[in-house]
C-alpha atoms as a PDB file:
ATOM      1  CA  MET A   1       0.145  -0.014  -0.129  1.00  0.00           C
ATOM      2  CA  VAL A   2       2.923   2.375   0.514  1.00  0.00           C
ATOM      3  CA  ASN A   3       6.397   3.066  -1.367  1.00  0.00           C
ATOM      4  CA  LYS A   4       8.198   3.132   1.348  1.00  0.00           C
ATOM      5  CA  GLU A   5      10.292   0.197   2.951  1.00  0.00           C
ATOM      6  CA  LEU A   6      11.563   0.234   6.343  1.00  0.00           C
ATOM      7  CA  ILE A   7      15.242  -0.527   8.061  1.00  0.00           C
ATOM      8  CA  ILE A   8      15.157  -1.637  11.643  1.00  0.00           C
ATOM      9  CA  ASP A   9      18.736  -1.291  13.277  1.00  0.00           C
ATOM     10  CA  ASP A  10      19.980  -3.904  15.985  1.00  0.00           C
ATOM     11  CA  ARG A  11      20.243  -0.841  18.646  1.00  0.00           C
ATOM     12  CA  GLY A  12      15.941  -0.136  17.423  1.00  0.00           C
ATOM     13  CA  LYS A  13      16.751   2.660  16.079  1.00  0.00           C
ATOM     14  CA  LYS A  14      14.282   3.012  12.672  1.00  0.00           C
ATOM     15  CA  TYR A  15      14.993   4.249   8.473  1.00  0.00           C
ATOM     16  CA  LEU A  16      12.528   5.181   6.788  1.00  0.00           C
ATOM     17  CA  LEU A  17      13.702   4.910   2.387  1.00  0.00           C
ATOM     18  CA  ASN A  18      12.568   5.056  -0.333  1.00  0.00           C
ATOM     19  CA  LYS A  19      11.833   1.750  -2.449  1.00  0.00           C
ATOM     20  CA  ASN A  20      14.534   0.193  -4.544  1.00  0.00           C
ATOM     21  CA  LEU A  21      17.111   1.990  -3.322  1.00  0.00           C
ATOM     22  CA  ASP A  22      20.264  -0.716  -3.872  1.00  0.00           C
ATOM     23  CA  ASN A  23      21.957  -0.923  -0.776  1.00  0.00           C
ATOM     24  CA  PHE A  24      21.889   1.098   2.336  1.00  0.00           C
ATOM     25  CA  GLY A  25      24.756   2.142   5.362  1.00  0.00           C
ATOM     26  CA  ASN A  26      25.116   3.671   8.444  1.00  0.00           C
ATOM     27  CA  ASP A  27      27.518   3.169  11.559  1.00  0.00           C
ATOM     28  CA  LEU A  28      26.707  -0.262  11.684  1.00  0.00           C
ATOM     29  CA  GLY A  29      27.725  -1.649   8.405  1.00  0.00           C
ATOM     30  CA  VAL A  30      26.280  -1.495   5.253  1.00  0.00           C
ATOM     31  CA  VAL A  31      23.818  -4.042   3.251  1.00  0.00           C
ATOM     32  CA  ASP A  32      22.928  -4.789  -0.123  1.00  0.00           C
ATOM     33  CA  LEU A  33      19.485  -4.409  -0.808  1.00  0.00           C
ATOM     34  CA  VAL A  34      18.756  -5.759  -4.328  1.00  0.00           C
ATOM     35  CA  GLY A  35      16.413  -8.643  -4.428  1.00  0.00           C
ATOM     36  CA  LYS A  36      15.633  -8.667  -0.558  1.00  0.00           C
ATOM     37  CA  GLU A  37      12.286  -9.450   0.405  1.00  0.00           C
ATOM     38  CA  GLU A  38      10.921  -7.483   3.325  1.00  0.00           C
ATOM     39  CA  GLY A  39      10.863  -9.730   6.372  1.00  0.00           C
ATOM     40  CA  SER A  40      13.986 -10.537   6.182  1.00  0.00           C
ATOM     41  CA  ILE A  41      17.609  -9.849   8.247  1.00  0.00           C
ATOM     42  CA  LEU A  42      20.467  -8.791   6.676  1.00  0.00           C
ATOM     43  CA  ILE A  43      23.751  -8.781   8.076  1.00  0.00           C
ATOM     44  CA  THR A  44      25.935  -5.702   6.878  1.00  0.00           C
ATOM     45  CA  ASN A  45      29.454  -5.758   6.272  1.00  0.00           C
ATOM     46  CA  LYS A  46      30.118  -4.637   9.691  1.00  0.00           C
ATOM     47  CA  GLY A  47      28.578  -8.341  10.997  1.00  0.00           C
ATOM     48  CA  GLY A  48      25.934  -5.327  11.930  1.00  0.00           C
ATOM     49  CA  GLU A  49      21.789  -7.107  11.858  1.00  0.00           C
ATOM     50  CA  PHE A  50      18.952  -4.825  10.019  1.00  0.00           C
ATOM     51  CA  TYR A  51      15.809  -5.667  10.185  1.00  0.00           C
ATOM     52  CA  PHE A  52      13.794  -5.306   6.646  1.00  0.00           C
ATOM     53  CA  VAL A  53      10.329  -5.263   7.158  1.00  0.00           C
ATOM     54  CA  THR A  54       6.837  -3.161   5.644  1.00  0.00           C
ATOM     55  CA  PRO A  55       6.598   0.310   7.350  1.00  0.00           C
ATOM     56  CA  THR A  56       3.581   0.692   9.131  1.00  0.00           C
ATOM     57  CA  ILE A  57       0.905   4.187   8.789  1.00  0.00           C
ATOM     58  CA  HIS A  58       2.612   4.751  12.203  1.00  0.00           C
ATOM     59  CA  ASP A  59       6.269   4.473  11.178  1.00  0.00           C
ATOM     60  CA  ILE A  60       4.779   6.817   7.928  1.00  0.00           C
ATOM     61  CA  ILE A  61       3.821   9.576   9.616  1.00  0.00           C
ATOM     62  CA  LYS A  62       5.848   9.510  12.667  1.00  0.00           C
ATOM     63  CA  LYS A  63       8.692  10.212   9.930  1.00  0.00           C
ATOM     64  CA  MET A  64       6.934  12.987   7.341  1.00  0.00           C
ATOM     65  CA  LYS A  65       6.932  16.267   6.919  1.00  0.00           C
ATOM     66  CA  ARG A  66       5.436  18.517   9.255  1.00  0.00           C
ATOM     67  CA  SER A  67       3.821  22.556   7.916  1.00  0.00           C
ATOM     68  CA  VAL A  68       1.522  22.432  11.582  1.00  0.00           C
ATOM     69  CA  THR A  69       2.467  20.179  15.294  1.00  0.00           C
ATOM     70  CA  THR A  70      -0.446  16.826  14.437  1.00  0.00           C
ATOM     71  CA  LEU A  71      -2.610  15.329  16.026  1.00  0.00           C
ATOM     72  CA  LEU A  72      -0.925  12.509  18.459  1.00  0.00           C
ATOM     73  CA  PRO A  73      -1.732   8.699  17.910  1.00  0.00           C
ATOM     74  CA  LYS A  74      -3.796   9.012  21.002  1.00  0.00           C
ATOM     75  CA  ASP A  75      -6.063  11.632  20.108  1.00  0.00           C
ATOM     76  CA  ILE A  76      -6.394  10.108  16.491  1.00  0.00           C
ATOM     77  CA  GLY A  77      -7.664   6.559  17.846  1.00  0.00           C
ATOM     78  CA  LEU A  78      -9.941   8.134  20.852  1.00  0.00           C
ATOM     79  CA  ILE A  79     -11.993  10.413  17.384  1.00  0.00           C
ATOM     80  CA  ILE A  80     -11.763   7.126  15.160  1.00  0.00           C
ATOM     81  CA  ALA A  81     -13.260   4.807  18.386  1.00  0.00           C
ATOM     82  CA  GLU A  82     -15.643   7.236  19.920  1.00  0.00           C
ATOM     83  CA  CYS A  83     -17.089   8.576  16.194  1.00  0.00           C
ATOM     84  CA  GLY A  84     -17.526   4.585  15.308  1.00  0.00           C
ATOM     85  CA  ILE A  85     -15.611   5.735  12.076  1.00  0.00           C
ATOM     86  CA  GLU A  86     -16.132   2.091   9.861  1.00  0.00           C
ATOM     87  CA  ASN A  87     -15.295   1.167   6.324  1.00  0.00           C
ATOM     88  CA  GLY A  88     -17.546   2.935   3.763  1.00  0.00           C
ATOM     89  CA  GLU A  89     -18.440   6.250   4.975  1.00  0.00           C
ATOM     90  CA  THR A  90     -17.960   9.502   4.272  1.00  0.00           C
ATOM     91  CA  VAL A  91     -15.905  11.866   6.245  1.00  0.00           C
ATOM     92  CA  VAL A  92     -15.472  15.927   6.084  1.00  0.00           C
ATOM     93  CA  GLU A  93     -12.239  16.983   7.976  1.00  0.00           C
ATOM     94  CA  ALA A  94     -10.458  20.231   9.081  1.00  0.00           C
ATOM     95  CA  GLY A  95      -8.689  21.116   8.335  1.00  0.00           C
ATOM     96  CA  THR A  96      -5.359  18.944   6.947  1.00  0.00           C
ATOM     97  CA  GLY A  97      -2.824  20.268   8.566  1.00  0.00           C
ATOM     98  CA  SER A  98       0.079  17.823   8.183  1.00  0.00           C
ATOM     99  CA  ALA A  99      -2.290  15.187   7.441  1.00  0.00           C
ATOM    100  CA  ALA A 100      -1.812  12.593   9.551  1.00  0.00           C
ATOM    101  CA  LEU A 101      -5.060  12.718  10.677  1.00  0.00           C
ATOM    102  CA  THR A 102      -6.298  12.463   7.254  1.00  0.00           C
ATOM    103  CA  ILE A 103      -4.203   9.220   7.008  1.00  0.00           C
ATOM    104  CA  TYR A 104      -5.882   7.565   9.554  1.00  0.00           C
ATOM    105  CA  LEU A 105      -9.633   8.403   8.447  1.00  0.00           C
ATOM    106  CA  ALA A 106      -8.657   7.201   5.089  1.00  0.00           C
ATOM    107  CA  ASN A 107      -7.902   3.482   6.542  1.00  0.00           C
ATOM    108  CA  ALA A 108     -10.980   3.691   8.377  1.00  0.00           C
ATOM    109  CA  VAL A 109     -13.151   4.077   6.246  1.00  0.00           C
ATOM    110  CA  GLY A 110     -11.450   2.198   3.442  1.00  0.00           C
ATOM    111  CA  LYS A 111     -11.789   1.957  -0.645  1.00  0.00           C
ATOM    112  CA  GLU A 112     -15.409   1.895  -0.323  1.00  0.00           C
ATOM    113  CA  GLY A 113     -15.512   5.193   2.114  1.00  0.00           C
ATOM    114  CA  LYS A 114     -13.805   8.597   1.175  1.00  0.00           C
ATOM    115  CA  ILE A 115     -12.451  11.584   2.842  1.00  0.00           C
ATOM    116  CA  ILE A 116     -12.914  15.263   1.891  1.00  0.00           C
ATOM    117  CA  THR A 117     -10.520  17.465   3.467  1.00  0.00           C
ATOM    118  CA  TYR A 118     -10.375  21.474   3.485  1.00  0.00           C
ATOM    119  CA  GLU A 119      -6.778  23.721   4.315  1.00  0.00           C
ATOM    120  CA  LYS A 120      -7.448  27.443   4.095  1.00  0.00           C
ATOM    121  CA  ARG A 121      -3.223  27.215   3.557  1.00  0.00           C
ATOM    122  CA  PRO A 122      -2.124  26.353   0.184  1.00  0.00           C
ATOM    123  CA  GLU A 123       0.950  26.171   1.110  1.00  0.00           C
ATOM    124  CA  PHE A 124       0.290  23.881   3.552  1.00  0.00           C
ATOM    125  CA  ALA A 125      -1.960  21.715   1.224  1.00  0.00           C
ATOM    126  CA  LYS A 126       0.717  21.473  -0.996  1.00  0.00           C
ATOM    127  CA  ILE A 127       2.502  19.651   1.660  1.00  0.00           C
ATOM    128  CA  ALA A 128      -0.048  17.323   2.859  1.00  0.00           C
ATOM    129  CA  ARG A 129      -0.433  15.834  -0.592  1.00  0.00           C
ATOM    130  CA  LYS A 130       2.950  15.009  -0.718  1.00  0.00           C
ATOM    131  CA  ASN A 131       2.284  13.043   2.232  1.00  0.00           C
ATOM    132  CA  LEU A 132      -0.770  11.446   0.901  1.00  0.00           C
ATOM    133  CA  GLU A 133       0.971  10.158  -2.131  1.00  0.00           C
ATOM    134  CA  ILE A 134       3.465   8.469   0.133  1.00  0.00           C
ATOM    135  CA  VAL A 135       0.755   5.924   1.754  1.00  0.00           C
ATOM    136  CA  GLY A 136      -1.484   5.903  -1.719  1.00  0.00           C
ATOM    137  CA  ALA A 137      -4.674   8.374  -0.373  1.00  0.00           C
ATOM    138  CA  VAL A 138      -4.421  10.453  -3.213  1.00  0.00           C
ATOM    139  CA  LYS A 139      -2.570  10.479  -6.838  1.00  0.00           C
ATOM    140  CA  GLN A 140       0.466  11.866  -7.330  1.00  0.00           C
ATOM    141  CA  ASN A 141      -0.311  15.223  -8.540  1.00  0.00           C
ATOM    142  CA  GLN A 142      -3.785  15.078  -8.227  1.00  0.00           C
ATOM    143  CA  LYS A 143      -5.695  18.348  -8.325  1.00  0.00           C
ATOM    144  CA  ILE A 144      -6.333  20.085  -5.098  1.00  0.00           C
ATOM    145  CA  ILE A 145      -9.842  21.750  -5.633  1.00  0.00           C
ATOM    146  CA  GLY A 146      -9.423  25.737  -5.448  1.00  0.00           C
ATOM    147  CA  ILE A 147      -6.021  25.474  -6.870  1.00  0.00           C
ATOM    148  CA  ASP A 148      -5.861  26.597 -10.047  1.00  0.00           C
ATOM    149  CA  ASP A 149      -2.771  26.143 -10.757  1.00  0.00           C
ATOM    150  CA  GLU A 150      -1.992  22.111 -10.758  1.00  0.00           C
ATOM    151  CA  ASP A 151      -2.768  20.881 -13.991  1.00  0.00           C
ATOM    152  CA  GLU A 152       0.309  18.507 -14.224  1.00  0.00           C
ATOM    153  CA  GLU A 153      -1.645  14.646 -14.982  1.00  0.00           C
ATOM    154  CA  GLU A 154      -2.580  12.742 -12.455  1.00  0.00           C
ATOM    155  CA  ILE A 155      -0.441  10.014 -12.034  1.00  0.00           C
ATOM    156  CA  GLU A 156      -1.084   6.117 -10.073  1.00  0.00           C
ATOM    157  CA  ILE A 157       1.996   5.071  -8.180  1.00  0.00           C
ATOM    158  CA  VAL A 158       1.665   3.382  -5.203  1.00  0.00           C
ATOM    159  CA  GLU A 159       0.170   0.037  -6.060  1.00  0.00           C
ATOM    160  CA  ASN A 160      -2.957  -1.515  -4.386  1.00  0.00           C
ATOM    161  CA  GLY A 161      -3.387   2.721  -3.186  1.00  0.00           C
ATOM    162  CA  LEU A 162      -6.790   3.732  -1.408  1.00  0.00           C
ATOM    163  CA  TYR A 163      -6.400   7.526  -3.570  1.00  0.00           C
ATOM    164  CA  ASN A 164     -10.012   8.202  -1.461  1.00  0.00           C
ATOM    165  CA  VAL A 165      -9.184  11.425  -0.282  1.00  0.00           C
ATOM    166  CA  THR A 166     -10.293  14.237  -1.627  1.00  0.00           C
ATOM    167  CA  GLN A 167      -8.265  17.908  -0.673  1.00  0.00           C
ATOM    168  CA  LYS A 168      -9.744  21.527  -0.331  1.00  0.00           C
ATOM    169  CA  ILE A 169      -8.800  24.964  -0.087  1.00  0.00           C
ATOM    170  CA  GLY A 170     -11.546  26.430   1.736  1.00  0.00           C
ATOM    171  CA  ASP A 171     -13.164  27.884   5.502  1.00  0.00           C
ATOM    172  CA  ILE A 172     -15.225  25.612   6.299  1.00  0.00           C
ATOM    173  CA  THR A 173     -17.091  28.370   8.837  1.00  0.00           C
ATOM    174  CA  GLU A 174     -18.607  30.019   6.047  1.00  0.00           C
ATOM    175  CA  LYS A 175     -19.953  26.600   4.212  1.00  0.00           C
ATOM    176  CA  ILE A 176     -19.845  23.284   3.813  1.00  0.00           C
ATOM    177  CA  GLU A 177     -20.232  22.067   0.393  1.00  0.00           C
ATOM    178  CA  GLU A 178     -21.035  18.065   0.923  1.00  0.00           C
ATOM    179  CA  GLU A 179     -24.411  17.174   1.872  1.00  0.00           C
ATOM    180  CA  ASN A 180     -25.271  13.864   4.167  1.00  0.00           C
ATOM    181  CA  ILE A 181     -22.516  13.121   5.334  1.00  0.00           C
ATOM    182  CA  ASP A 182     -21.504  11.006   8.247  1.00  0.00           C
ATOM    183  CA  VAL A 183     -18.596  11.965  10.238  1.00  0.00           C
ATOM    184  CA  LEU A 184     -17.078  15.502  10.444  1.00  0.00           C
ATOM    185  CA  VAL A 185     -14.148  16.297  12.260  1.00  0.00           C
ATOM    186  CA  LEU A 186     -12.187  19.489  13.214  1.00  0.00           C
ATOM    187  CA  ASP A 187      -8.931  20.411  14.581  1.00  0.00           C
ATOM    188  CA  MET A 188      -8.716  23.879  13.926  1.00  0.00           C
ATOM    189  CA  PRO A 189      -9.269  27.024  15.964  1.00  0.00           C
ATOM    190  CA  ASP A 190     -12.931  27.854  15.899  1.00  0.00           C
ATOM    191  CA  PRO A 191     -15.030  25.258  15.767  1.00  0.00           C
ATOM    192  CA  TRP A 192     -17.979  26.640  16.738  1.00  0.00           C
ATOM    193  CA  ASN A 193     -18.353  29.017  13.903  1.00  0.00           C
ATOM    194  CA  VAL A 194     -18.909  25.234  12.189  1.00  0.00           C
ATOM    195  CA  VAL A 195     -21.306  23.499  14.058  1.00  0.00           C
ATOM    196  CA  GLU A 196     -24.562  25.127  12.633  1.00  0.00           C
ATOM    197  CA  HIS A 197     -23.237  24.441   9.347  1.00  0.00           C
ATOM    198  CA  ALA A 198     -22.171  20.535  10.460  1.00  0.00           C
ATOM    199  CA  LYS A 199     -26.254  20.202  11.693  1.00  0.00           C
ATOM    200  CA  LYS A 200     -27.629  20.688   7.502  1.00  0.00           C
ATOM    201  CA  SER A 201     -24.882  18.748   6.481  1.00  0.00           C
ATOM    202  CA  LEU A 202     -24.896  15.686   8.319  1.00  0.00           C
ATOM    203  CA  ASN A 203     -27.069  12.521   7.921  1.00  0.00           C
ATOM    204  CA  LYS A 204     -29.508  12.868  10.375  1.00  0.00           C
ATOM    205  CA  ALA A 205     -30.304   9.378  11.269  1.00  0.00           C
ATOM    206  CA  LYS A 206     -26.322   8.702  11.906  1.00  0.00           C
ATOM    207  CA  GLY A 207     -24.444  12.379  11.353  1.00  0.00           C
ATOM    208  CA  ARG A 208     -21.661  12.426  13.778  1.00  0.00           C
ATOM    209  CA  ILE A 209     -19.479  14.707  15.057  1.00  0.00           C
ATOM    210  CA  ALA A 210     -15.796  15.594  16.726  1.00  0.00           C
ATOM    211  CA  ILE A 211     -13.922  18.238  17.947  1.00  0.00           C
ATOM    212  CA  TYR A 212     -10.166  18.985  18.953  1.00  0.00           C
ATOM    213  CA  VAL A 213      -9.098  22.027  20.720  1.00  0.00           C
ATOM    214  CA  PRO A 214      -6.173  22.460  22.627  1.00  0.00           C
ATOM    215  CA  TYR A 215      -7.999  24.871  25.357  1.00  0.00           C
ATOM    216  CA  VAL A 216     -10.358  24.161  27.703  1.00  0.00           C
ATOM    217  CA  GLU A 217     -12.067  27.535  26.944  1.00  0.00           C
ATOM    218  CA  GLN A 218     -12.436  26.142  23.179  1.00  0.00           C
ATOM    219  CA  ALA A 219     -13.900  23.275  24.369  1.00  0.00           C
ATOM    220  CA  LYS A 220     -16.124  25.178  26.105  1.00  0.00           C
ATOM    221  CA  LYS A 221     -17.324  26.989  23.316  1.00  0.00           C
ATOM    222  CA  GLY A 222     -17.456  23.988  21.385  1.00  0.00           C
ATOM    223  CA  VAL A 223     -19.417  22.226  24.027  1.00  0.00           C
ATOM    224  CA  GLU A 224     -22.294  25.322  24.112  1.00  0.00           C
ATOM    225  CA  ALA A 225     -22.584  25.805  20.287  1.00  0.00           C
ATOM    226  CA  LEU A 226     -23.429  21.743  20.247  1.00  0.00           C
ATOM    227  CA  LYS A 227     -26.239  21.909  22.426  1.00  0.00           C
ATOM    228  CA  GLU A 228     -27.448  25.418  21.091  1.00  0.00           C
ATOM    229  CA  HIS A 229     -27.628  23.973  18.018  1.00  0.00           C
ATOM    230  CA  GLY A 230     -29.538  20.611  19.517  1.00  0.00           C
ATOM    231  CA  PHE A 231     -26.947  17.988  19.463  1.00  0.00           C
ATOM    232  CA  LEU A 232     -27.371  14.710  21.223  1.00  0.00           C
ATOM    233  CA  ASP A 233     -24.921  12.612  22.995  1.00  0.00           C
ATOM    234  CA  ILE A 234     -22.233  14.966  23.845  1.00  0.00           C
ATOM    235  CA  ARG A 235     -19.483  14.215  25.638  1.00  0.00           C
ATOM    236  CA  THR A 236     -15.399  15.522  26.045  1.00  0.00           C
ATOM    237  CA  VAL A 237     -12.948  14.370  27.194  1.00  0.00           C
ATOM    238  CA  GLU A 238      -8.855  14.238  27.492  1.00  0.00           C
ATOM    239  CA  CYS A 239      -6.718  11.029  26.468  1.00  0.00           C
ATOM    240  CA  ILE A 240      -3.315  10.907  28.328  1.00  0.00           C
ATOM    241  CA  VAL A 241      -0.296   8.140  28.047  1.00  0.00           C
ATOM    242  CA  ARG A 242       2.024   7.036  30.318  1.00  0.00           C
ATOM    243  CA  ASP A 243       4.722   3.749  28.748  1.00  0.00           C
ATOM    244  CA  ILE A 244       5.635   2.030  31.306  1.00  0.00           C
ATOM    245  CA  GLU A 245       9.016   0.595  31.779  1.00  0.00           C
ATOM    246  CA  ILE A 246       9.534  -3.038  31.924  1.00  0.00           C
ATOM    247  CA  SER A 247      13.707  -4.550  33.099  1.00  0.00           C
ATOM    248  CA  GLU A 248      15.198  -7.141  34.927  1.00  0.00           C
ATOM    249  CA  LYS A 249      15.180  -5.052  37.704  1.00  0.00           C
ATOM    250  CA  GLY A 250      11.218  -4.160  37.704  1.00  0.00           C
ATOM    251  CA  VAL A 251       8.426  -2.673  36.447  1.00  0.00           C
ATOM    252  CA  ARG A 252       7.243   1.528  36.894  1.00  0.00           C
ATOM    253  CA  PRO A 253       5.680   3.886  35.448  1.00  0.00           C
ATOM    254  CA  SER A 254       8.314   6.229  32.574  1.00  0.00           C
ATOM    255  CA  THR A 255       9.551   9.350  34.688  1.00  0.00           C
ATOM    256  CA  ARG A 256       8.362  11.424  30.929  1.00  0.00           C
ATOM    257  CA  MET A 257       4.695  11.130  29.184  1.00  0.00           C
ATOM    258  CA  ILE A 258       2.703  12.575  26.892  1.00  0.00           C
ATOM    259  CA  GLY A 259       0.239  14.568  28.690  1.00  0.00           C
ATOM    260  CA  HIS A 260      -2.238  17.401  28.240  1.00  0.00           C
ATOM    261  CA  THR A 261      -2.567  17.671  24.228  1.00  0.00           C
ATOM    262  CA  GLY A 262      -6.143  18.694  23.707  1.00  0.00           C
ATOM    263  CA  TYR A 263      -9.888  18.399  24.650  1.00  0.00           C
ATOM    264  CA  ILE A 264     -11.812  15.812  22.441  1.00  0.00           C
ATOM    265  CA  THR A 265     -15.462  16.658  22.223  1.00  0.00           C
ATOM    266  CA  THR A 266     -18.247  14.016  20.269  1.00  0.00           C
ATOM    267  CA  ALA A 267     -21.363  14.191  19.309  1.00  0.00           C
ATOM    268  CA  ARG A 268     -24.840  13.186  16.936  1.00  0.00           C
ATOM    269  CA  VAL A 269     -26.816  15.524  15.392  1.00  0.00           C
ATOM    270  CA  CYS A 270     -30.169  15.619  16.270  1.00  0.00           C
ATOM    271  CA  PRO A 271     -32.974  13.219  13.775  1.00  0.00           C
ATOM    272  CA  GLU A 272     -35.304  15.562  11.898  1.00  0.00           C
ATOM    273  CA  LYS A 273     -39.020  16.643  13.750  1.00  0.00           C
ATOM    274  CA  VAL A 274     -41.869  14.527  12.031  1.00  0.00           C
ATOM    275  CA  VAL A 275     -45.468  15.817  12.626  1.00  0.00           C
ATOM    276  CA  GLU A 276     -46.769  14.686  16.080  1.00  0.00           C
ATOM    277  CA  TYR A 277     -48.840  11.400  15.863  1.00  0.00           C
ATOM    278  CA  VAL A 278     -52.374  12.636  17.061  1.00  0.00           C
ATOM    279  CA  PRO A 279     -54.426   9.704  17.919  1.00  0.00           C
ATOM    280  CA  LYS A 280     -57.213   9.043  16.498  1.00  0.00           C
ATOM    281  CA  LYS A 281     -60.512   9.450  18.187  1.00  0.00           C
ATOM    282  CA  PRO A 282     -62.928   6.370  18.268  1.00  0.00           C
ATOM    283  CA  LYS A 283     -65.826   6.628  16.142  1.00  0.00           C
ATOM    284  CA  GLU A 284     -69.456   8.170  17.715  1.00  0.00           C
ATOM    285  CA  THR A 285     -71.986   5.403  17.921  1.00  0.00           C
ATOM    286  CA  LYS A 286     -75.573   6.000  18.139  1.00  0.00           C
ATOM    287  CA  GLU A 287     -77.159   3.709  21.749  1.00  0.00           C
ATOM    288  CA  GLU A 288     -78.871   1.388  20.262  1.00  0.00           C
ATOM    289  CA  GLN A 289     -82.550   1.556  20.924  1.00  0.00           C
ATOM    290  CA  PRO A 290     -84.656  -1.050  23.077  1.00  0.00           C
ATOM    291  CA  GLU A 291     -87.275  -3.075  20.473  1.00  0.00           C
ATOM    292  CA  GLU A 292     -90.401  -1.967  21.560  1.00  0.00           C
ATOM    293  CA  ASN A 293     -93.402  -4.970  23.015  1.00  0.00           C
END
């Protein structure tokens, strides 16, 4: 699915490589990669060991170029889980940033689903496109809607790529062009300005929304907007991850940890109101008259 390969040396250091390299080396030695298959242990000319494997999406995102700080996997996983994002769904995202969240969302919805991602800054969108190309979420040189100077021919490079992401330049606080979407994910400074549009664009039977913000005041304003527009099942959480060190000496929490990064609010759009049921009154029947003798 990706056009990268991964080497892990015997110290645990990772190297993300372009495919079809002839050789690779570091201070532990050099190995020939021609004809070598992923899933092999390669011995360097100095006797070191390289583990030649297929990179995961997580490996690629950790190494990719960034235009802004990206969401961490702990928060991305929670968004996908809390919203129940699944294969075949349509997800609208704002903003794209470096496309870390976009890539995970693309994998969650699969080939049968689609991701539409909005970004206001063209320079960020172009960096994101390069990252999306690496994992086959877009075709090489795929047009970004809203940038008129992109006339290069689209080329499919990654074998079995998903190609399920559409990039747009636009301000989602002004309008959401898509209708009947399943999930809306907002990673932006003022998500409360999108909630009214979200109410109109989300599928009334299953539409969900996720909001990610770093400050509690932002989270509060987001929740207030959701309540104002009648959203259901509103929940705000924070995810904190702490590594556990396991050694021969014993087991203890790491002295370092990933603490606060942001607040995640999820909710469900309220279904449309239908005409209230009014029970029919029973038909009046004439009282039977006694028969005359």
